[in-house]
Protein backbone atom coordinates (compact mmCIF):
# COMPACT_ATOMS: atom_id res chain seq x y z
CA MET A 1 47.20 -9.48 4.62
CA LEU A 2 50.39 -11.65 4.43
CA ARG A 3 52.92 -10.96 6.76
CA PRO A 4 56.83 -10.77 6.17
CA GLU A 5 58.72 -13.66 7.90
CA LEU A 6 59.95 -13.00 11.19
CA SER A 7 63.35 -14.51 10.85
CA LEU A 8 63.53 -12.28 7.27
CA PRO A 9 67.64 -11.05 7.75
CA THR A 10 67.84 -7.30 8.20
CA HIS A 11 69.80 -7.01 4.92
CA LEU A 12 66.74 -8.56 3.11
CA GLN A 13 64.36 -6.44 4.80
CA LYS A 14 66.29 -3.33 3.38
CA MET A 15 66.34 -4.80 0.04
CA ARG A 16 62.68 -4.47 -0.29
CA LYS A 17 62.67 -0.86 0.87
CA ALA A 18 65.13 0.35 -2.08
CA TRP A 19 62.45 -0.57 -4.55
CA THR A 20 59.92 1.81 -3.11
CA TRP A 21 58.74 5.26 -3.81
CA ARG A 22 60.03 8.25 -2.26
CA ILE A 23 58.18 11.55 -1.43
CA ARG A 24 61.03 13.39 -2.28
CA MET A 25 61.11 12.64 -5.64
CA PHE A 26 58.18 14.86 -6.35
CA GLN A 27 59.63 17.80 -4.29
CA LYS A 28 62.61 18.11 -6.63
CA GLY A 29 63.71 16.93 -10.03
CA LEU A 30 67.02 15.69 -11.62
CA ASN A 31 68.83 17.48 -14.53
CA ASN A 32 70.35 14.12 -15.84
CA LEU A 33 67.42 12.84 -17.93
CA GLY A 34 69.02 9.96 -19.97
CA CYS A 35 68.66 6.12 -19.43
CA VAL A 36 71.38 4.73 -17.22
CA HIS A 37 71.76 1.92 -19.37
CA GLY A 38 71.92 3.85 -22.45
CA THR A 39 75.90 3.75 -23.06
CA TYR A 40 77.06 0.94 -20.75
CA ASP A 41 77.33 -1.69 -23.04
CA ILE A 42 79.25 0.44 -25.27
CA THR A 43 82.08 1.71 -22.90
CA SER A 44 82.08 -1.45 -20.97
CA GLY A 45 85.12 -4.03 -20.75
CA THR A 46 84.04 -7.68 -20.92
CA LEU A 47 82.84 -9.99 -18.20
CA LYS A 48 86.24 -11.53 -17.51
CA GLY A 49 84.73 -13.30 -14.90
CA VAL A 50 83.89 -16.33 -17.18
CA ILE A 51 87.30 -17.12 -17.86
CA LEU A 52 88.24 -17.50 -14.35
CA THR A 53 86.46 -20.92 -14.07
CA LEU A 54 89.64 -22.04 -15.96
CA GLN A 55 91.57 -21.29 -12.92
CA LEU A 56 92.23 -24.37 -10.53
CA ASN A 57 90.50 -22.82 -7.94
CA GLY A 58 87.47 -24.85 -9.61
CA ARG A 59 89.21 -28.35 -9.75
CA ARG A 60 87.12 -30.03 -6.93
CA GLN A 61 84.12 -28.22 -8.08
CA LEU A 62 84.70 -29.39 -11.81
CA TYR A 63 85.22 -32.91 -10.55
CA ARG A 64 82.00 -33.04 -8.68
CA PHE A 65 80.42 -31.53 -11.98
CA HIS A 66 81.57 -34.38 -13.92
CA ALA A 67 80.44 -36.97 -11.51
CA ASN A 68 77.25 -35.69 -11.43
CA PRO A 69 76.44 -34.64 -14.98
CA ASP A 70 72.72 -34.64 -14.91
CA LEU A 71 72.62 -32.10 -12.03
CA PHE A 72 74.52 -29.34 -13.80
CA LYS A 73 73.07 -27.98 -16.97
CA ILE A 74 73.09 -24.42 -18.92
CA ILE A 75 69.65 -23.26 -19.26
CA THR A 76 68.37 -20.30 -20.82
CA PRO A 77 65.65 -19.43 -23.41
CA ILE A 78 67.95 -17.29 -25.17
CA ASN A 79 68.71 -18.06 -29.13
CA ILE A 80 72.33 -17.12 -28.54
CA ILE A 81 73.15 -17.79 -32.38
CA LYS A 82 70.44 -15.10 -33.14
CA PHE A 83 71.34 -12.73 -30.36
CA GLU A 84 75.00 -13.03 -31.50
CA ASP A 85 73.62 -12.25 -35.13
CA LEU A 86 71.72 -9.19 -34.00
CA LEU A 87 74.61 -7.84 -32.39
CA LYS A 88 77.33 -8.21 -35.03
CA ASP A 89 77.40 -4.85 -35.68
CA HIS A 90 77.82 -3.42 -32.38
CA PRO A 91 80.73 -1.25 -31.89
CA ASN A 92 82.12 -3.33 -28.31
CA GLN A 93 82.33 -6.87 -30.03
CA PRO A 94 84.59 -7.92 -27.13
CA PHE A 95 81.73 -7.19 -24.52
CA VAL A 96 79.32 -8.71 -26.71
CA GLN A 97 81.35 -12.13 -27.13
CA SER A 98 81.73 -12.30 -23.42
CA VAL A 99 77.98 -11.91 -22.70
CA CYS A 100 77.23 -14.86 -25.39
CA ASP A 101 79.84 -16.84 -23.60
CA GLY A 102 78.25 -16.51 -20.18
CA LEU A 103 75.04 -17.55 -22.01
CA ARG A 104 76.66 -20.50 -23.70
CA TYR A 105 79.03 -21.66 -20.97
CA GLY A 106 77.46 -20.14 -17.91
CA PHE A 107 78.27 -16.74 -16.14
CA TRP A 108 80.94 -16.59 -13.41
CA PRO A 109 80.26 -14.15 -10.33
CA TRP A 110 83.68 -13.19 -10.11
CA ALA A 111 84.54 -15.75 -7.28
CA GLU A 112 87.36 -16.97 -5.40
CA THR A 113 86.11 -20.54 -3.90
CA THR A 114 89.34 -21.91 -2.45
CA HIS A 115 89.29 -19.48 0.85
CA GLN A 116 91.23 -21.33 3.56
CA ASP A 117 89.03 -20.29 6.26
CA TYR A 118 85.75 -21.66 4.51
CA PRO A 119 84.68 -24.99 4.88
CA GLU A 120 84.44 -27.42 1.75
CA GLU A 121 80.69 -27.85 2.14
CA LEU A 122 78.21 -25.78 3.91
CA ASP A 123 74.31 -26.46 4.61
CA LEU A 124 72.47 -23.27 5.99
CA SER A 125 69.36 -24.40 4.86
CA ARG A 126 66.51 -23.64 7.39
CA SER A 127 64.76 -26.53 9.02
CA GLU A 128 62.43 -24.41 11.22
CA CYS A 129 58.47 -24.58 10.40
CA LEU A 130 56.91 -22.34 8.08
CA ASP A 131 53.39 -21.45 7.70
CA PRO A 132 51.19 -23.09 5.03
CA THR A 133 51.49 -19.97 2.44
CA ARG A 134 54.98 -20.30 2.03
CA LEU A 135 55.43 -24.00 2.34
CA LYS A 136 52.66 -24.00 -0.63
CA PHE A 137 54.65 -21.39 -2.48
CA PHE A 138 58.05 -23.20 -2.39
CA ALA A 139 56.36 -26.36 -3.81
CA LYS A 140 54.64 -24.47 -6.56
CA GLN A 141 58.19 -22.51 -7.26
CA LEU A 142 59.75 -25.91 -7.33
CA SER A 143 57.19 -27.24 -9.86
CA ILE A 144 57.91 -24.15 -12.09
CA GLU A 145 61.73 -24.23 -11.81
CA GLN A 146 61.77 -27.90 -12.38
CA HIS A 147 59.29 -27.57 -15.51
CA LYS A 148 61.64 -24.92 -16.96
CA GLU A 149 64.88 -27.04 -16.35
CA ARG A 150 66.27 -24.11 -14.05
CA TYR A 151 66.12 -26.79 -11.11
CA SER A 152 67.53 -29.97 -11.20
CA ALA A 153 65.89 -33.39 -9.95
CA SER A 154 66.52 -34.15 -6.14
CA PHE A 155 69.50 -35.65 -5.30
CA GLY A 156 68.40 -36.68 -2.01
CA SER A 157 68.26 -35.26 1.39
CA GLN A 158 72.37 -35.08 1.79
CA LEU A 159 74.62 -32.54 0.24
CA LEU A 160 77.45 -33.82 -1.99
CA PRO A 161 80.79 -32.98 -1.46
CA SER A 162 82.00 -29.12 -2.29
CA MET A 163 78.40 -28.07 -2.46
CA TYR A 164 76.91 -24.90 -0.43
CA CYS A 165 73.30 -24.69 0.29
CA MET A 166 72.13 -20.79 1.47
CA PRO A 167 68.65 -20.24 3.08
CA ILE A 168 65.87 -19.30 0.97
CA TYR A 169 63.19 -16.99 2.13
CA ALA A 170 59.35 -16.17 0.78
CA VAL A 171 59.74 -12.44 0.64
CA PRO A 172 56.39 -10.29 0.10
CA LYS A 173 56.87 -8.00 -3.28
CA PRO A 174 56.00 -4.39 -2.36
CA HIS A 175 52.70 -3.21 -2.62
CA SER A 176 51.62 -6.75 -3.04
CA GLU A 177 50.14 -10.15 -1.62
CA ASN A 178 52.66 -12.13 -4.27
CA LEU A 179 55.94 -13.73 -3.18
CA ARG A 180 59.43 -13.83 -4.68
CA LEU A 181 61.90 -16.59 -3.58
CA VAL A 182 64.88 -15.02 -2.48
CA THR A 183 68.45 -16.90 -1.71
CA ASP A 184 70.46 -15.55 0.96
CA HIS A 185 73.95 -15.87 -0.30
CA SER A 186 74.96 -13.08 2.42
CA ALA A 187 74.05 -15.48 5.28
CA SER A 188 76.92 -16.46 7.60
CA LYS A 189 80.69 -15.26 7.64
CA HIS A 190 81.27 -18.18 5.13
CA SER A 191 78.65 -16.82 3.05
CA LEU A 192 78.70 -16.96 -1.04
CA ASN A 193 78.68 -13.44 -1.70
CA GLY A 194 81.91 -13.03 0.93
CA MET A 195 83.86 -15.18 -2.21
CA ILE A 196 82.77 -12.56 -4.65
CA ASP A 197 84.93 -9.82 -5.75
CA HIS A 198 82.89 -6.98 -4.60
CA ALA A 199 85.09 -4.50 -6.58
CA SER A 200 83.91 -6.11 -10.04
CA VAL A 201 80.30 -6.03 -9.22
CA THR A 202 79.51 -2.79 -8.12
CA GLY A 203 78.92 0.40 -9.95
CA TYR A 204 76.46 -1.32 -12.46
CA PRO A 205 74.05 1.07 -13.40
CA MET A 206 70.51 0.08 -12.42
CA ASP A 207 67.33 1.45 -14.00
CA ASN A 208 64.00 0.96 -11.84
CA LEU A 209 60.85 3.12 -11.53
CA ALA A 210 62.10 5.25 -8.60
CA PRO A 211 64.54 7.41 -10.81
CA PHE A 212 62.18 7.02 -13.52
CA GLY A 213 59.57 9.02 -11.94
CA GLU A 214 62.15 11.48 -10.74
CA LYS A 215 63.05 11.90 -14.25
CA LEU A 216 59.44 12.33 -15.21
CA VAL A 217 59.19 14.99 -12.40
CA ALA A 218 62.14 16.91 -13.69
CA GLU A 219 60.88 16.85 -17.30
CA ARG A 220 57.59 18.17 -16.67
CA ARG A 221 59.47 21.32 -14.72
CA ILE A 222 61.52 22.29 -17.86
CA ASN A 223 58.94 21.44 -20.54
CA SER A 224 55.58 22.98 -20.00
CA ASP A 225 54.33 21.23 -23.05
CA LEU A 226 53.75 17.97 -20.67
CA LEU A 227 51.94 19.76 -18.20
CA SER A 228 48.34 18.92 -19.61
CA PRO A 229 46.54 15.78 -18.12
CA HIS A 230 47.11 13.63 -21.62
CA ALA A 231 50.38 15.19 -22.72
CA LEU A 232 52.32 12.12 -22.15
CA THR A 233 51.65 8.41 -22.52
CA VAL A 234 54.02 6.19 -20.51
CA TRP A 235 54.07 2.36 -20.53
CA LYS A 236 55.89 -0.24 -19.02
CA SER A 237 57.20 -3.55 -20.29
CA ASP A 238 58.30 -6.40 -17.62
CA ILE A 239 60.64 -9.40 -18.18
CA GLU A 240 59.01 -12.14 -16.83
CA ALA A 241 61.80 -13.82 -14.48
CA ALA A 242 64.45 -11.54 -15.81
CA TYR A 243 67.32 -13.12 -13.58
CA LEU A 244 66.66 -16.52 -14.45
CA LEU A 245 67.60 -16.03 -18.32
CA CYS A 246 71.19 -15.94 -17.39
CA PRO A 247 72.42 -19.34 -16.44
CA VAL A 248 75.44 -19.58 -13.92
CA HIS A 249 78.71 -21.96 -14.54
CA PRO A 250 78.49 -25.58 -13.61
CA VAL A 251 81.46 -24.73 -11.05
CA TRP A 252 79.41 -22.00 -9.28
CA GLN A 253 76.24 -24.30 -9.58
CA VAL A 254 77.74 -26.74 -7.17
CA LYS A 255 77.83 -23.88 -4.69
CA GLN A 256 73.96 -23.12 -5.49
CA ALA A 257 72.07 -26.28 -3.98
CA THR A 258 68.60 -25.47 -2.46
CA ARG A 259 66.81 -27.49 0.15
CA ILE A 260 62.98 -27.68 -0.15
CA ASP A 261 60.74 -29.90 2.04
CA GLY A 262 63.79 -31.72 3.03
CA GLN A 263 65.33 -32.64 -0.27
CA PHE A 264 68.13 -30.66 -2.39
CA TYR A 265 68.32 -29.46 -6.12
CA ILE A 266 70.63 -27.56 -7.94
CA ASP A 267 69.49 -23.96 -9.01
CA ARG A 268 71.23 -23.50 -12.25
CA CYS A 269 70.49 -19.42 -12.73
CA ILE A 270 71.68 -16.53 -11.25
CA VAL A 271 69.49 -15.71 -7.95
CA PHE A 272 67.79 -13.12 -6.17
CA GLY A 273 70.26 -12.41 -3.46
CA SER A 274 73.66 -12.83 -4.83
CA SER A 275 75.53 -9.34 -5.05
CA ALA A 276 76.86 -10.62 -8.70
CA SER A 277 73.12 -11.13 -10.00
CA PRO A 278 72.60 -7.39 -10.92
CA ALA A 279 75.99 -6.90 -12.16
CA ILE A 280 75.20 -9.97 -14.66
CA PHE A 281 71.72 -9.01 -15.73
CA ILE A 282 72.41 -5.62 -16.41
CA ALA A 283 75.39 -6.81 -18.76
CA PHE A 284 72.94 -8.82 -20.64
CA ASN A 285 70.10 -6.54 -20.86
CA SER A 286 72.36 -3.23 -21.95
CA LEU A 287 72.48 -5.65 -25.41
CA VAL A 288 69.11 -6.31 -25.36
CA THR A 289 67.91 -2.60 -24.84
CA THR A 290 70.70 -0.92 -26.89
């Protein structure tokens, strides 16, 4: 059985536990049975973070972008024109447009990149030896991401000015031998998550199987017709690489360098490990499931 990395930070270990089933869900039900995404897209304001890239705080990063245009691209499989057309009758058009702008130009994670106590560039990539299983996993992920253009080509073994590189981990998925690549944006006192306005990224409604199970238990408690063995059919659809549908703005891509096998690459999409990623994805997905 594959064991977690011994050096996996505590906050990443806790992240795994948040998605596991809890015994208490079978001991009590909930009265609120609606899908939490149900009205989010109607009541939400715009994702104004996209507009923040026009501020002067991105001047150095914009220079790095224009000096290396092949490294920074907006990559998404979403047909944005068709997506906009399907949403033309949506009652919250400012919100729709802000999400489509994020898909078209890259989402901005509500970050301020000019903290005076932050270094201009920072390399927190890990150099310790990893076990062969994880080395193989990283190599395979790199090949997949480059094939889909979500990772850039290598730009060498040294960071370019203004770039940040956070550590990456191969984290076992719950109840599985499969691994997930997690980028630790909370690493160090100069973390990327420390740049983000957390008031703007908290409070986004999240659906997962744990509250779904609680809702099923609650529904069966109040509806006796659902107590028979075949009274209810439940199915689950999964969005493959869900976060990777959402690109980040080139100015933020400058901060998302990733080191694998001694070489640096640019990660062009939102990552598992950024405090802004759930907010960005839920904003997009609320329009998909509307």
